Amino acid sequence: MADAAAYFGLFLAALAAGSILPVPSEAALVAIILTSDHPVWIAVAVATVGNVIGSMINWTLGRGIERLRGTRWFPASEASIERAGRWYHKYGRWSLLLSFVPIIGDPLTIVAGVMKESPWFFFIVVTIAKLGRYVTVAALTLGGT
């Protein structure tokens, strides 16, 4: 039962970290790796699933922001949105591979929603990025023990 609670806590930390909340999910992953007798891949999988779902929430928020476009108080002009769209289509799609990077990763996932990135492409690329980060954290943790 304690393991289930720990994995649920890891899932919640990773979910929050994948959203716009500044939560250090890597610390939760390291703690589980160091204190659990279960296979590391389970912890990596739980963290990855939570973090990807958090990023999908950001993508959905980005899609929802679009409905506010054209209102007087919307913070971006039509011209700036078009400029951002051109930039994203030129560089942004593959920049989702950086979605795991603190500070820039969360805004990238929101912009992907605003720019109507395909949910399947988004899911695949973000999953690769997030899984790569957690595998690296796990490998560094196990290499140091």
Protein backbone atom coordinates (compact mmCIF):
# COMPACT_ATOMS: atom_id res chain seq x y z
CA MET A 1 0.00 0.00 0.00
CA ALA A 2 2.86 2.37 0.79
CA ASP A 3 4.30 1.73 -2.68
CA ALA A 4 0.99 2.62 -4.32
CA ALA A 5 0.88 5.88 -2.36
CA ALA A 6 4.47 6.66 -3.35
CA TYR A 7 3.74 6.01 -7.02
CA PHE A 8 0.56 8.08 -6.83
CA GLY A 9 2.58 10.91 -5.26
CA LEU A 10 5.15 10.59 -8.04
CA PHE A 11 2.36 10.68 -10.64
CA LEU A 12 0.88 13.84 -9.09
CA ALA A 13 4.29 15.54 -8.85
CA ALA A 14 5.03 14.70 -12.50
CA LEU A 15 1.55 15.83 -13.58
CA ALA A 16 2.01 19.17 -11.82
CA ALA A 17 5.54 19.54 -13.22
CA GLY A 18 4.23 18.92 -16.74
CA SER A 19 1.69 21.69 -16.30
CA ILE A 20 2.54 25.32 -15.61
CA LEU A 21 3.28 24.63 -11.93
CA PRO A 22 6.96 24.68 -10.89
CA VAL A 23 7.21 21.26 -9.20
CA PRO A 24 10.50 19.31 -9.14
CA SER A 25 9.26 15.87 -10.17
CA GLU A 26 12.83 14.61 -10.58
CA ALA A 27 13.27 14.73 -6.79
CA ALA A 28 10.24 12.49 -6.34
CA LEU A 29 11.57 10.05 -8.94
CA VAL A 30 14.99 9.92 -7.29
CA ALA A 31 13.41 9.36 -3.87
CA ILE A 32 11.38 6.41 -5.15
CA ILE A 33 14.36 4.90 -6.96
CA LEU A 34 16.49 5.12 -3.81
CA THR A 35 13.83 3.83 -1.40
CA SER A 36 11.95 1.20 -3.42
CA ASP A 37 12.77 -2.39 -4.25
CA HIS A 38 10.54 -2.34 -7.32
CA PRO A 39 11.89 -2.09 -10.87
CA VAL A 40 13.05 1.38 -11.83
CA TRP A 41 11.13 1.22 -15.10
CA ILE A 42 7.84 1.37 -13.17
CA ALA A 43 8.82 4.66 -11.54
CA VAL A 44 10.07 6.04 -14.87
CA ALA A 45 6.83 5.01 -16.56
CA VAL A 46 4.66 6.57 -13.84
CA ALA A 47 6.61 9.83 -13.96
CA THR A 48 6.51 9.93 -17.76
CA VAL A 49 2.76 9.31 -17.95
CA GLY A 50 2.04 12.00 -15.36
CA ASN A 51 4.32 14.52 -17.01
CA VAL A 52 2.95 13.91 -20.50
CA ILE A 53 -0.62 14.31 -19.22
CA GLY A 54 0.43 17.62 -17.62
CA SER A 55 1.83 18.74 -20.97
CA MET A 56 -1.36 17.67 -22.74
CA ILE A 57 -3.25 19.90 -20.28
CA ASN A 58 -1.00 22.79 -21.36
CA TRP A 59 -1.66 22.00 -25.02
CA THR A 60 -5.41 22.03 -24.29
CA LEU A 61 -5.08 25.38 -22.50
CA GLY A 62 -3.27 26.73 -25.55
CA ARG A 63 -6.11 25.57 -27.77
CA GLY A 64 -8.63 27.23 -25.43
CA ILE A 65 -6.79 30.54 -25.42
CA GLU A 66 -7.54 30.77 -29.12
CA ARG A 67 -11.23 31.37 -28.36
CA LEU A 68 -10.33 34.62 -26.60
CA ARG A 69 -8.57 36.02 -29.69
CA GLY A 70 -10.16 39.16 -31.02
CA THR A 71 -11.42 40.42 -27.68
CA ARG A 72 -10.30 43.94 -26.69
CA TRP A 73 -8.28 42.72 -23.71
CA PHE A 74 -6.54 39.79 -25.46
CA PRO A 75 -2.80 40.31 -24.83
CA ALA A 76 -1.63 39.70 -28.40
CA SER A 77 -2.45 41.43 -31.68
CA GLU A 78 -3.41 39.53 -34.83
CA ALA A 79 -0.02 40.45 -36.32
CA SER A 80 1.91 39.05 -33.33
CA ILE A 81 -0.11 35.83 -33.43
CA GLU A 82 0.64 35.43 -37.12
CA ARG A 83 4.35 36.10 -36.46
CA ALA A 84 4.38 33.51 -33.66
CA GLY A 85 2.63 31.07 -35.96
CA ARG A 86 5.26 31.50 -38.67
CA TRP A 87 8.05 31.10 -36.10
CA TYR A 88 6.46 27.99 -34.63
CA HIS A 89 5.95 26.40 -38.01
CA LYS A 90 9.56 27.14 -38.91
CA TYR A 91 11.25 26.15 -35.61
CA GLY A 92 8.64 25.25 -33.06
CA ARG A 93 7.41 21.84 -34.05
CA TRP A 94 10.70 20.14 -33.33
CA SER A 95 11.45 22.46 -30.43
CA LEU A 96 8.92 20.31 -28.55
CA LEU A 97 11.87 17.98 -28.02
CA LEU A 98 12.93 20.64 -25.49
CA SER A 99 9.63 20.38 -23.62
CA PHE A 100 11.47 18.72 -20.73
CA VAL A 101 13.66 21.79 -20.09
CA PRO A 102 12.67 23.82 -17.01
CA ILE A 103 11.28 27.31 -17.64
CA ILE A 104 10.98 27.01 -21.45
CA GLY A 105 9.31 23.60 -21.72
CA ASP A 106 5.91 24.54 -20.32
CA PRO A 107 5.44 27.63 -22.52
CA LEU A 108 6.44 25.55 -25.55
CA THR A 109 3.64 23.11 -24.84
CA ILE A 110 1.11 25.94 -24.50
CA VAL A 111 2.26 27.60 -27.73
CA ALA A 112 1.92 24.25 -29.48
CA GLY A 113 -1.76 24.29 -28.55
CA VAL A 114 -2.18 27.89 -29.68
CA MET A 115 -0.55 27.01 -33.00
CA LYS A 116 -2.88 24.01 -33.40
CA GLU A 117 -0.14 21.41 -33.40
CA SER A 118 -1.49 17.96 -34.15
CA PRO A 119 -2.32 16.24 -30.86
CA TRP A 120 -0.72 13.00 -32.09
CA PHE A 121 2.53 14.65 -33.16
CA PHE A 122 2.57 16.61 -29.90
CA PHE A 123 1.96 13.47 -27.85
CA ILE A 124 4.68 11.46 -29.58
CA VAL A 125 7.39 14.14 -29.49
CA VAL A 126 6.64 15.26 -25.92
CA THR A 127 6.58 11.64 -24.73
CA ILE A 128 10.01 11.05 -26.27
CA ALA A 129 11.36 14.19 -24.59
CA LYS A 130 9.86 13.47 -21.16
CA LEU A 131 10.81 9.79 -21.21
CA GLY A 132 14.36 10.73 -22.19
CA ARG A 133 14.62 13.08 -19.23
CA TYR A 134 13.35 10.54 -16.71
CA VAL A 135 15.53 7.75 -18.12
CA THR A 136 18.54 10.07 -17.79
CA VAL A 137 17.61 11.01 -14.20
CA ALA A 138 17.18 7.32 -13.32
CA ALA A 139 20.49 6.36 -14.95
CA LEU A 140 22.34 9.15 -13.12
CA THR A 141 20.70 8.13 -9.86
CA LEU A 142 21.61 4.46 -10.27
CA GLY A 143 25.12 5.35 -11.44
CA GLY A 144 25.68 7.32 -8.25
CA THR A 145 24.62 4.52 -5.89
